Amino acid sequence: MTALPEIGTARDALLELQNRLIARFEGMDGGQFRRDHWTRPQVAGQFSGDGRTCILENGEVIERGGVLFSHIMGAKLPPAASAHRPHLAGSRYEVLGVSVVIHPRNPFAPTAHMNVRRFSVTPEDGQTVAWVGGGMDLTPHYLFDEDATVFHCAAQGVSSLHYPTWKHQCDEYFLLKHRCEARGIGGIFFDDYGEPDGLDIAVKLGNAFLDAYALILERRKDTPFQPSHRDWQLYRRGRYVEFNLVWDRGTTFGLQSNGRIESILASMPPLAAWQYNREPEAGSDEARLLEVLREPRDWV
């Protein structure tokens, strides 16, 4: 596999990306992220490393949002991180990444997620293998076709060559199999990308996500809404929680590596709700959203 840029270069690039994300979201919200710098020494059976977990809670625009950087090393790569490379399970590893989850206050503003990560794994033969993974996806509570198009055009711009495959992978990954519906309207998702431009792709993805989502959030953040809209937002957030706790490989990786639980669960919304066997009225905006979540479509 072709070599990726060194860990130090990747670390600097991802920290810069985190700073850009935080500055943009603070500018839109008016509040400040709480910055939690953490380090973890080597302990037998666990990872070591450092990171910066930045959380904004109870903001004017962002009800809860997290922009997280981590750089960790461990002696045994968890199975969740080696699904496509089972022969590397249990090998020495180093991984750094940036992840973002934004839960807006306004029900008409979609939840958004972005993650980029760089893995470096050294099996017993000593031949280090490195790759990049990442993705960006949008989870609306009320569907606006123009927002979906903006987001997917940005995703396509990350790599027009890979977009069809990465879009399909995103639709497959963010599926709540027990509900037979998608978490949202997708975006792109990829793993095992080991080409020399891997770091450039990761940073390009982060910037594309930021520009597209900031535009959408600016459009929707001040839309008037009723209690019924808020009720539906909380109900749909329940699906977000279900996916993250049941199906998400990142959550599983964090738990399998004995990770920082506050960072692992930073993606959770502040409030969510469940209702028994709820089905929206036919022809409603809520029903239209479910139609799309049950049958993914092309947006570009």
C-alpha atoms as a PDB file:
ATOM      1  CA  MET A   1       0.000   0.000   0.000  1.00  0.00           C
ATOM      2  CA  THR A   2       1.328   3.429  -0.948  1.00  0.00           C
ATOM      3  CA  ALA A   3       2.640   5.462   1.951  1.00  0.00           C
ATOM      4  CA  LEU A   4       0.487   8.172   3.499  1.00  0.00           C
ATOM      5  CA  PRO A   5       1.969  11.350   5.011  1.00  0.00           C
ATOM      6  CA  GLU A   6       3.638  10.901   8.384  1.00  0.00           C
ATOM      7  CA  ILE A   7       1.632  10.895  11.606  1.00  0.00           C
ATOM      8  CA  GLY A   8       2.992  14.297  12.636  1.00  0.00           C
ATOM      9  CA  THR A   9       1.854  15.903   9.389  1.00  0.00           C
ATOM     10  CA  ALA A  10      -1.584  14.341   9.743  1.00  0.00           C
ATOM     11  CA  ARG A  11      -1.866  15.474  13.358  1.00  0.00           C
ATOM     12  CA  ASP A  12      -1.135  19.094  12.466  1.00  0.00           C
ATOM     13  CA  ALA A  13      -3.616  19.037   9.578  1.00  0.00           C
ATOM     14  CA  LEU A  14      -6.418  17.555  11.669  1.00  0.00           C
ATOM     15  CA  LEU A  15      -5.866  19.961  14.554  1.00  0.00           C
ATOM     16  CA  GLU A  16      -6.117  22.843  12.081  1.00  0.00           C
ATOM     17  CA  LEU A  17      -9.348  21.337  10.755  1.00  0.00           C
ATOM     18  CA  GLN A  18     -10.753  21.100  14.270  1.00  0.00           C
ATOM     19  CA  ASN A  19      -9.914  24.751  14.893  1.00  0.00           C
ATOM     20  CA  ARG A  20     -11.690  25.836  11.687  1.00  0.00           C
ATOM     21  CA  LEU A  21     -14.796  23.857  12.578  1.00  0.00           C
ATOM     22  CA  ILE A  22     -14.965  25.299  16.086  1.00  0.00           C
ATOM     23  CA  ALA A  23     -14.426  28.884  14.935  1.00  0.00           C
ATOM     24  CA  ARG A  24     -17.180  28.615  12.310  1.00  0.00           C
ATOM     25  CA  PHE A  25     -19.743  27.082  14.647  1.00  0.00           C
ATOM     26  CA  GLU A  26     -18.956  29.532  17.450  1.00  0.00           C
ATOM     27  CA  GLY A  27     -19.452  32.362  14.983  1.00  0.00           C
ATOM     28  CA  MET A  28     -22.871  31.043  13.991  1.00  0.00           C
ATOM     29  CA  ASP A  29     -24.066  30.270  17.515  1.00  0.00           C
ATOM     30  CA  GLY A  30     -22.551  33.103  19.526  1.00  0.00           C
ATOM     31  CA  GLY A  31     -21.573  30.698  22.303  1.00  0.00           C
ATOM     32  CA  GLN A  32     -18.274  29.019  23.074  1.00  0.00           C
ATOM     33  CA  PHE A  33     -17.232  25.396  23.048  1.00  0.00           C
ATOM     34  CA  ARG A  34     -15.940  23.993  26.298  1.00  0.00           C
ATOM     35  CA  ARG A  35     -12.410  22.780  25.526  1.00  0.00           C
ATOM     36  CA  ASP A  36     -11.306  19.677  27.398  1.00  0.00           C
ATOM     37  CA  HIS A  37      -7.669  18.775  26.774  1.00  0.00           C
ATOM     38  CA  TRP A  38      -6.960  15.251  27.963  1.00  0.00           C
ATOM     39  CA  THR A  39      -4.072  12.817  28.096  1.00  0.00           C
ATOM     40  CA  ARG A  40      -4.029   9.147  28.932  1.00  0.00           C
ATOM     41  CA  PRO A  41      -0.859   7.293  29.973  1.00  0.00           C
ATOM     42  CA  GLN A  42      -0.159   3.755  28.877  1.00  0.00           C
ATOM     43  CA  VAL A  43      -2.020   1.180  30.987  1.00  0.00           C
ATOM     44  CA  ALA A  44      -1.890  -2.548  30.332  1.00  0.00           C
ATOM     45  CA  GLY A  45      -4.728  -3.590  28.043  1.00  0.00           C
ATOM     46  CA  GLN A  46      -5.775  -0.015  27.255  1.00  0.00           C
ATOM     47  CA  PHE A  47      -4.760   2.738  24.863  1.00  0.00           C
ATOM     48  CA  SER A  48      -2.587   5.765  25.529  1.00  0.00           C
ATOM     49  CA  GLY A  49      -2.676   9.144  23.861  1.00  0.00           C
ATOM     50  CA  ASP A  50      -4.180  12.591  24.008  1.00  0.00           C
ATOM     51  CA  GLY A  51      -6.927  14.672  22.527  1.00  0.00           C
ATOM     52  CA  ARG A  52      -9.160  17.694  22.717  1.00  0.00           C
ATOM     53  CA  THR A  53     -12.885  17.209  23.239  1.00  0.00           C
ATOM     54  CA  CYS A  54     -14.807  20.418  22.537  1.00  0.00           C
ATOM     55  CA  ILE A  55     -18.499  20.602  23.441  1.00  0.00           C
ATOM     56  CA  LEU A  56     -21.089  23.355  23.027  1.00  0.00           C
ATOM     57  CA  GLU A  57     -24.285  22.861  25.016  1.00  0.00           C
ATOM     58  CA  ASN A  58     -27.474  24.896  25.297  1.00  0.00           C
ATOM     59  CA  GLY A  59     -26.476  27.412  22.646  1.00  0.00           C
ATOM     60  CA  GLU A  60     -28.751  29.742  20.737  1.00  0.00           C
ATOM     61  CA  VAL A  61     -28.447  27.736  17.510  1.00  0.00           C
ATOM     62  CA  ILE A  62     -26.712  24.535  18.599  1.00  0.00           C
ATOM     63  CA  GLU A  63     -28.530  22.668  21.344  1.00  0.00           C
ATOM     64  CA  ARG A  64     -25.598  20.285  21.663  1.00  0.00           C
ATOM     65  CA  GLY A  65     -22.558  19.884  19.471  1.00  0.00           C
ATOM     66  CA  GLY A  66     -19.175  18.244  19.665  1.00  0.00           C
ATOM     67  CA  VAL A  67     -15.958  18.721  17.686  1.00  0.00           C
ATOM     68  CA  LEU A  68     -13.409  16.165  18.852  1.00  0.00           C
ATOM     69  CA  PHE A  69      -9.767  15.422  18.080  1.00  0.00           C
ATOM     70  CA  SER A  70      -7.997  12.327  19.354  1.00  0.00           C
ATOM     71  CA  HIS A  71      -4.603  10.694  18.865  1.00  0.00           C
ATOM     72  CA  ILE A  72      -4.353   7.274  20.442  1.00  0.00           C
ATOM     73  CA  MET A  73      -2.041   4.260  20.432  1.00  0.00           C
ATOM     74  CA  GLY A  74      -2.724   0.732  21.575  1.00  0.00           C
ATOM     75  CA  ALA A  75      -1.228  -2.741  21.657  1.00  0.00           C
ATOM     76  CA  LYS A  76      -4.221  -4.615  20.214  1.00  0.00           C
ATOM     77  CA  LEU A  77      -6.386  -3.272  17.397  1.00  0.00           C
ATOM     78  CA  PRO A  78     -10.061  -3.884  18.328  1.00  0.00           C
ATOM     79  CA  PRO A  79     -12.139  -6.031  15.943  1.00  0.00           C
ATOM     80  CA  ALA A  80     -14.445  -3.090  15.141  1.00  0.00           C
ATOM     81  CA  ALA A  81     -11.547  -1.290  13.440  1.00  0.00           C
ATOM     82  CA  SER A  82     -10.386  -4.285  11.413  1.00  0.00           C
ATOM     83  CA  ALA A  83     -13.618  -5.581   9.886  1.00  0.00           C
ATOM     84  CA  HIS A  84     -12.138  -5.265   6.382  1.00  0.00           C
ATOM     85  CA  ARG A  85      -8.697  -6.485   7.487  1.00  0.00           C
ATOM     86  CA  PRO A  86      -9.303  -9.331   9.954  1.00  0.00           C
ATOM     87  CA  HIS A  87      -5.655 -10.409   9.752  1.00  0.00           C
ATOM     88  CA  LEU A  88      -4.714  -7.134  11.504  1.00  0.00           C
ATOM     89  CA  ALA A  89      -6.965  -7.695  14.533  1.00  0.00           C
ATOM     90  CA  GLY A  90      -4.906  -7.627  17.704  1.00  0.00           C
ATOM     91  CA  SER A  91      -1.981  -5.745  16.101  1.00  0.00           C
ATOM     92  CA  ARG A  92      -0.271  -2.654  17.457  1.00  0.00           C
ATOM     93  CA  TYR A  93      -2.024   0.485  16.173  1.00  0.00           C
ATOM     94  CA  GLU A  94      -2.018   4.273  16.133  1.00  0.00           C
ATOM     95  CA  VAL A  95      -5.018   6.320  15.057  1.00  0.00           C
ATOM     96  CA  LEU A  96      -5.882   9.981  14.980  1.00  0.00           C
ATOM     97  CA  GLY A  97      -9.023  11.674  13.841  1.00  0.00           C
ATOM     98  CA  VAL A  98     -11.549  14.470  14.010  1.00  0.00           C
ATOM     99  CA  SER A  99     -15.267  13.894  14.487  1.00  0.00           C
ATOM    100  CA  VAL A 100     -18.185  16.314  14.529  1.00  0.00           C
ATOM    101  CA  VAL A 101     -21.826  15.949  15.541  1.00  0.00           C
ATOM    102  CA  ILE A 102     -24.145  18.965  15.642  1.00  0.00           C
ATOM    103  CA  HIS A 103     -27.680  18.799  17.063  1.00  0.00           C
ATOM    104  CA  PRO A 104     -29.367  22.142  16.269  1.00  0.00           C
ATOM    105  CA  ARG A 105     -32.119  23.578  18.410  1.00  0.00           C
ATOM    106  CA  ASN A 106     -34.495  24.307  15.518  1.00  0.00           C
ATOM    107  CA  PRO A 107     -36.408  21.212  14.280  1.00  0.00           C
ATOM    108  CA  PHE A 108     -36.115  22.420  10.683  1.00  0.00           C
ATOM    109  CA  ALA A 109     -32.307  22.449  10.890  1.00  0.00           C
ATOM    110  CA  PRO A 110     -30.818  18.988  10.326  1.00  0.00           C
ATOM    111  CA  THR A 111     -28.431  17.139  12.564  1.00  0.00           C
ATOM    112  CA  ALA A 112     -25.064  16.619  10.880  1.00  0.00           C
ATOM    113  CA  HIS A 113     -22.079  14.330  11.359  1.00  0.00           C
ATOM    114  CA  MET A 114     -18.561  14.248   9.932  1.00  0.00           C
ATOM    115  CA  ASN A 115     -15.582  12.070  10.754  1.00  0.00           C
ATOM    116  CA  VAL A 116     -12.094  11.627   9.338  1.00  0.00           C
ATOM    117  CA  ARG A 117      -9.467   9.266  10.721  1.00  0.00           C
ATOM    118  CA  ARG A 118      -5.990   7.980   9.897  1.00  0.00           C
ATOM    119  CA  PHE A 119      -5.000   4.458  10.964  1.00  0.00           C
ATOM    120  CA  SER A 120      -1.504   3.033  11.186  1.00  0.00           C
ATOM    121  CA  VAL A 121      -1.241  -0.656  12.122  1.00  0.00           C
ATOM    122  CA  THR A 122       1.875  -2.754  12.656  1.00  0.00           C
ATOM    123  CA  PRO A 123       1.336  -6.533  12.694  1.00  0.00           C
ATOM    124  CA  GLU A 124       3.846  -9.050  13.995  1.00  0.00           C
ATOM    125  CA  ASP A 125       5.838  -9.050  10.744  1.00  0.00           C
ATOM    126  CA  GLY A 126       6.678  -5.375  11.372  1.00  0.00           C
ATOM    127  CA  GLN A 127       5.333  -4.091   8.038  1.00  0.00           C
ATOM    128  CA  THR A 128       3.208  -1.057   8.920  1.00  0.00           C
ATOM    129  CA  VAL A 129      -0.063  -0.615   7.029  1.00  0.00           C
ATOM    130  CA  ALA A 130      -1.775   2.793   6.922  1.00  0.00           C
ATOM    131  CA  TRP A 131      -5.088   4.013   5.603  1.00  0.00           C
ATOM    132  CA  VAL A 132      -7.614   6.833   5.864  1.00  0.00           C
ATOM    133  CA  GLY A 133     -11.357   6.650   6.411  1.00  0.00           C
ATOM    134  CA  GLY A 134     -14.138   9.136   6.860  1.00  0.00           C
ATOM    135  CA  GLY A 135     -17.549  10.377   5.927  1.00  0.00           C
ATOM    136  CA  MET A 136     -20.175  13.092   6.146  1.00  0.00           C
ATOM    137  CA  ASP A 137     -23.908  12.562   6.483  1.00  0.00           C
ATOM    138  CA  LEU A 138     -27.032  14.620   7.083  1.00  0.00           C
ATOM    139  CA  THR A 139     -30.000  13.711   9.306  1.00  0.00           C
ATOM    140  CA  PRO A 140     -32.977  16.014   8.705  1.00  0.00           C
ATOM    141  CA  HIS A 141     -36.125  15.919  10.778  1.00  0.00           C
ATOM    142  CA  TYR A 142     -37.957  17.767   8.011  1.00  0.00           C
ATOM    143  CA  LEU A 143     -36.809  17.220   4.454  1.00  0.00           C
ATOM    144  CA  PHE A 144     -35.824  20.096   2.171  1.00  0.00           C
ATOM    145  CA  ASP A 145     -34.720  18.817  -1.227  1.00  0.00           C
ATOM    146  CA  GLU A 146     -32.521  21.855  -1.817  1.00  0.00           C
ATOM    147  CA  ASP A 147     -30.585  21.156   1.397  1.00  0.00           C
ATOM    148  CA  ALA A 148     -30.063  17.523   0.421  1.00  0.00           C
ATOM    149  CA  THR A 149     -28.778  18.615  -2.987  1.00  0.00           C
ATOM    150  CA  VAL A 150     -26.353  21.145  -1.499  1.00  0.00           C
ATOM    151  CA  PHE A 151     -24.986  18.545   0.902  1.00  0.00           C
ATOM    152  CA  HIS A 152     -24.589  15.816  -1.707  1.00  0.00           C
ATOM    153  CA  CYS A 153     -23.023  18.181  -4.236  1.00  0.00           C
ATOM    154  CA  ALA A 154     -20.431  19.038  -1.588  1.00  0.00           C
ATOM    155  CA  ALA A 155     -19.877  15.337  -0.914  1.00  0.00           C
ATOM    156  CA  GLN A 156     -19.484  14.666  -4.624  1.00  0.00           C
ATOM    157  CA  GLY A 157     -16.913  17.453  -4.807  1.00  0.00           C
ATOM    158  CA  VAL A 158     -14.638  15.589  -2.390  1.00  0.00           C
ATOM    159  CA  SER A 159     -14.045  12.987  -5.110  1.00  0.00           C
ATOM    160  CA  SER A 160     -16.293  12.754  -8.158  1.00  0.00           C
ATOM    161  CA  LEU A 161     -14.542   9.498  -9.071  1.00  0.00           C
ATOM    162  CA  HIS A 162     -15.386   7.771  -5.800  1.00  0.00           C
ATOM    163  CA  TYR A 163     -18.697   9.498  -5.018  1.00  0.00           C
ATOM    164  CA  PRO A 164     -21.029   6.785  -6.417  1.00  0.00           C
ATOM    165  CA  THR A 165     -19.307   4.053  -4.401  1.00  0.00           C
ATOM    166  CA  TRP A 166     -18.909   6.140  -1.252  1.00  0.00           C
ATOM    167  CA  LYS A 167     -22.522   7.320  -1.463  1.00  0.00           C
ATOM    168  CA  HIS A 168     -23.733   3.720  -1.691  1.00  0.00           C
ATOM    169  CA  GLN A 169     -21.506   2.736   1.234  1.00  0.00           C
ATOM    170  CA  CYS A 170     -22.968   5.595   3.273  1.00  0.00           C
ATOM    171  CA  ASP A 171     -26.528   4.473   2.527  1.00  0.00           C
ATOM    172  CA  GLU A 172     -25.615   0.942   3.600  1.00  0.00           C
ATOM    173  CA  TYR A 173     -23.688   1.941   6.715  1.00  0.00           C
ATOM    174  CA  PHE A 174     -26.216   4.355   8.234  1.00  0.00           C
ATOM    175  CA  LEU A 175     -29.085   1.870   8.037  1.00  0.00           C
ATOM    176  CA  LEU A 176     -31.010   0.978  11.172  1.00  0.00           C
ATOM    177  CA  LYS A 177     -31.469  -2.652  10.225  1.00  0.00           C
ATOM    178  CA  HIS A 178     -33.936  -3.286  13.023  1.00  0.00           C
ATOM    179  CA  ARG A 179     -36.124  -0.427  11.733  1.00  0.00           C
ATOM    180  CA  CYS A 180     -35.583  -0.923   7.976  1.00  0.00           C
ATOM    181  CA  GLU A 181     -34.918   2.789   7.608  1.00  0.00           C
ATOM    182  CA  ALA A 182     -31.891   5.016   7.182  1.00  0.00           C
ATOM    183  CA  ARG A 183     -30.665   7.348   9.913  1.00  0.00           C
ATOM    184  CA  GLY A 184     -30.767  10.249   7.463  1.00  0.00           C
ATOM    185  CA  ILE A 185     -30.355  11.144   3.791  1.00  0.00           C
ATOM    186  CA  GLY A 186     -26.729  10.019   3.658  1.00  0.00           C
ATOM    187  CA  GLY A 187     -23.683  11.602   2.118  1.00  0.00           C
ATOM    188  CA  ILE A 188     -20.450   9.654   1.708  1.00  0.00           C
ATOM    189  CA  PHE A 189     -18.657   7.038   3.785  1.00  0.00           C
ATOM    190  CA  PHE A 190     -15.384   5.264   3.074  1.00  0.00           C
ATOM    191  CA  ASP A 191     -12.693   3.224   4.768  1.00  0.00           C
ATOM    192  CA  ASP A 192      -9.437   1.526   3.784  1.00  0.00           C
ATOM    193  CA  TYR A 193      -8.318   4.386   1.535  1.00  0.00           C
ATOM    194  CA  GLY A 194      -4.545   4.085   1.325  1.00  0.00           C
ATOM    195  CA  GLU A 195      -3.613   6.277  -1.614  1.00  0.00           C
ATOM    196  CA  PRO A 196      -0.971   9.036  -1.189  1.00  0.00           C
ATOM    197  CA  ASP A 197      -3.660  11.743  -1.336  1.00  0.00           C
ATOM    198  CA  GLY A 198      -5.518  10.207   1.608  1.00  0.00           C
ATOM    199  CA  LEU A 199      -4.788  13.061   4.012  1.00  0.00           C
ATOM    200  CA  ASP A 200      -5.709  15.636   1.368  1.00  0.00           C
ATOM    201  CA  ILE A 201      -9.008  13.819   0.812  1.00  0.00           C
ATOM    202  CA  ALA A 202      -9.687  13.812   4.560  1.00  0.00           C
ATOM    203  CA  VAL A 203      -9.079  17.553   4.926  1.00  0.00           C
ATOM    204  CA  LYS A 204     -11.044  18.288   1.750  1.00  0.00           C
ATOM    205  CA  LEU A 205     -13.948  16.302   3.176  1.00  0.00           C
ATOM    206  CA  GLY A 206     -13.854  18.275   6.414  1.00  0.00           C
ATOM    207  CA  ASN A 207     -13.867  21.597   4.593  1.00  0.00           C
ATOM    208  CA  ALA A 208     -16.637  20.515   2.204  1.00  0.00           C
ATOM    209  CA  PHE A 209     -18.770  19.406   5.127  1.00  0.00           C
ATOM    210  CA  LEU A 210     -18.244  22.684   6.958  1.00  0.00           C
ATOM    211  CA  ASP A 211     -19.139  24.895   3.999  1.00  0.00           C
ATOM    212  CA  ALA A 212     -22.237  22.899   3.034  1.00  0.00           C
ATOM    213  CA  TYR A 213     -23.599  22.414   6.524  1.00  0.00           C
ATOM    214  CA  ALA A 214     -22.972  26.018   7.565  1.00  0.00           C
ATOM    215  CA  LEU A 215     -25.021  27.144   4.558  1.00  0.00           C
ATOM    216  CA  ILE A 216     -27.889  24.785   5.457  1.00  0.00           C
ATOM    217  CA  LEU A 217     -27.812  25.692   9.143  1.00  0.00           C
ATOM    218  CA  GLU A 218     -27.880  29.403   8.322  1.00  0.00           C
ATOM    219  CA  ARG A 219     -30.952  28.826   6.144  1.00  0.00           C
ATOM    220  CA  ARG A 220     -32.928  26.936   8.791  1.00  0.00           C
ATOM    221  CA  LYS A 221     -31.812  28.098  12.230  1.00  0.00           C
ATOM    222  CA  ASP A 222     -34.420  30.869  12.568  1.00  0.00           C
ATOM    223  CA  THR A 223     -37.394  29.109  10.959  1.00  0.00           C
ATOM    224  CA  PRO A 224     -40.536  29.510  13.128  1.00  0.00           C
ATOM    225  CA  PHE A 225     -41.769  26.200  14.543  1.00  0.00           C
ATOM    226  CA  GLN A 226     -44.562  24.768  16.669  1.00  0.00           C
ATOM    227  CA  PRO A 227     -44.476  22.320  19.610  1.00  0.00           C
ATOM    228  CA  SER A 228     -45.530  19.553  17.203  1.00  0.00           C
ATOM    229  CA  HIS A 229     -42.352  20.120  15.188  1.00  0.00           C
ATOM    230  CA  ARG A 230     -40.238  19.897  18.336  1.00  0.00           C
ATOM    231  CA  ASP A 231     -42.050  16.702  19.301  1.00  0.00           C
ATOM    232  CA  TRP A 232     -41.173  15.113  15.951  1.00  0.00           C
ATOM    233  CA  GLN A 233     -37.561  16.269  16.239  1.00  0.00           C
ATOM    234  CA  LEU A 234     -37.173  14.532  19.599  1.00  0.00           C
ATOM    235  CA  TYR A 235     -38.816  11.389  18.241  1.00  0.00           C
ATOM    236  CA  ARG A 236     -36.398  11.266  15.305  1.00  0.00           C
ATOM    237  CA  ARG A 237     -33.474  11.877  17.645  1.00  0.00           C
ATOM    238  CA  GLY A 238     -34.436   8.605  19.281  1.00  0.00           C
ATOM    239  CA  ARG A 239     -33.500   6.881  16.035  1.00  0.00           C
ATOM    240  CA  TYR A 240     -30.134   8.672  16.116  1.00  0.00           C
ATOM    241  CA  VAL A 241     -29.484   7.278  19.582  1.00  0.00           C
ATOM    242  CA  GLU A 242     -30.497   3.790  18.481  1.00  0.00           C
ATOM    243  CA  PHE A 243     -28.065   3.796  15.578  1.00  0.00           C
ATOM    244  CA  ASN A 244     -25.144   5.112  17.592  1.00  0.00           C
ATOM    245  CA  LEU A 245     -25.570   2.596  20.397  1.00  0.00           C
ATOM    246  CA  VAL A 246     -26.496  -0.448  18.323  1.00  0.00           C
ATOM    247  CA  TRP A 247     -24.786  -0.190  14.936  1.00  0.00           C
ATOM    248  CA  ASP A 248     -22.061   2.471  14.914  1.00  0.00           C
ATOM    249  CA  ARG A 249     -18.554   1.018  14.534  1.00  0.00           C
ATOM    250  CA  GLY A 250     -16.968   4.132  16.028  1.00  0.00           C
ATOM    251  CA  THR A 251     -18.919   3.698  19.251  1.00  0.00           C
ATOM    252  CA  THR A 252     -18.060  -0.004  19.296  1.00  0.00           C
ATOM    253  CA  PHE A 253     -14.376   0.746  18.688  1.00  0.00           C
ATOM    254  CA  GLY A 254     -14.348   3.221  21.565  1.00  0.00           C
ATOM    255  CA  LEU A 255     -15.938   0.745  23.950  1.00  0.00           C
ATOM    256  CA  GLN A 256     -13.730  -2.151  22.814  1.00  0.00           C
ATOM    257  CA  SER A 257     -10.598  -0.041  23.346  1.00  0.00           C
ATOM    258  CA  ASN A 258     -11.729   1.111  26.811  1.00  0.00           C
ATOM    259  CA  GLY A 259     -11.954   4.660  25.497  1.00  0.00           C
ATOM    260  CA  ARG A 260     -13.040   7.863  27.210  1.00  0.00           C
ATOM    261  CA  ILE A 261     -16.758   7.410  27.681  1.00  0.00           C
ATOM    262  CA  GLU A 262     -17.450  11.179  27.720  1.00  0.00           C
ATOM    263  CA  SER A 263     -15.866  11.455  24.276  1.00  0.00           C
ATOM    264  CA  ILE A 264     -17.516   8.299  22.944  1.00  0.00           C
ATOM    265  CA  LEU A 265     -20.980   9.528  23.914  1.00  0.00           C
ATOM    266  CA  ALA A 266     -20.425  13.148  22.870  1.00  0.00           C
ATOM    267  CA  SER A 267     -22.468  12.376  19.752  1.00  0.00           C
ATOM    268  CA  MET A 268     -25.641  11.894  21.777  1.00  0.00           C
ATOM    269  CA  PRO A 269     -28.416  14.518  21.570  1.00  0.00           C
ATOM    270  CA  PRO A 270     -29.324  16.304  24.812  1.00  0.00           C
ATOM    271  CA  LEU A 271     -32.940  15.153  24.575  1.00  0.00           C
ATOM    272  CA  ALA A 272     -34.648  12.334  22.680  1.00  0.00           C
ATOM    273  CA  ALA A 273     -37.997  10.555  22.813  1.00  0.00           C
ATOM    274  CA  TRP A 274     -39.651   7.269  21.935  1.00  0.00           C
ATOM    275  CA  GLN A 275     -43.313   6.623  21.180  1.00  0.00           C
ATOM    276  CA  TYR A 276     -44.938   3.279  20.598  1.00  0.00           C
ATOM    277  CA  ASN A 277     -45.562   2.393  16.933  1.00  0.00           C
ATOM    278  CA  ARG A 278     -45.810   5.990  15.779  1.00  0.00           C
ATOM    279  CA  GLU A 279     -46.748   6.527  12.118  1.00  0.00           C
ATOM    280  CA  PRO A 280     -47.269  10.055  10.760  1.00  0.00           C
ATOM    281  CA  GLU A 281     -50.369  11.088   8.874  1.00  0.00           C
ATOM    282  CA  ALA A 282     -50.307  10.178   5.186  1.00  0.00           C
ATOM    283  CA  GLY A 283     -49.251  13.089   3.002  1.00  0.00           C
ATOM    284  CA  SER A 284     -47.654  15.021   5.877  1.00  0.00           C
ATOM    285  CA  ASP A 285     -44.136  16.419   5.900  1.00  0.00           C
ATOM    286  CA  GLU A 286     -43.225  13.810   8.488  1.00  0.00           C
ATOM    287  CA  ALA A 287     -44.523  11.004   6.259  1.00  0.00           C
ATOM    288  CA  ARG A 288     -42.518  12.325   3.313  1.00  0.00           C
ATOM    289  CA  LEU A 289     -39.341  12.139   5.362  1.00  0.00           C
ATOM    290  CA  LEU A 290     -40.024   8.508   6.222  1.00  0.00           C
ATOM    291  CA  GLU A 291     -40.593   7.659   2.560  1.00  0.00           C
ATOM    292  CA  VAL A 292     -37.087   8.855   1.739  1.00  0.00           C
ATOM    293  CA  LEU A 293     -35.524   7.161   4.761  1.00  0.00           C
ATOM    294  CA  ARG A 294     -37.088   3.850   3.743  1.00  0.00           C
ATOM    295  CA  GLU A 295     -36.034   4.166   0.108  1.00  0.00           C
ATOM    296  CA  PRO A 296     -32.747   6.094  -0.381  1.00  0.00           C
ATOM    297  CA  ARG A 297     -32.576   8.268  -3.476  1.00  0.00           C
ATOM    298  CA  ASP A 298     -29.994  10.068  -5.576  1.00  0.00           C
ATOM    299  CA  TRP A 299     -29.641  13.796  -4.937  1.00  0.00           C
ATOM    300  CA  VAL A 300     -27.152  14.814  -7.646  1.00  0.00           C
END
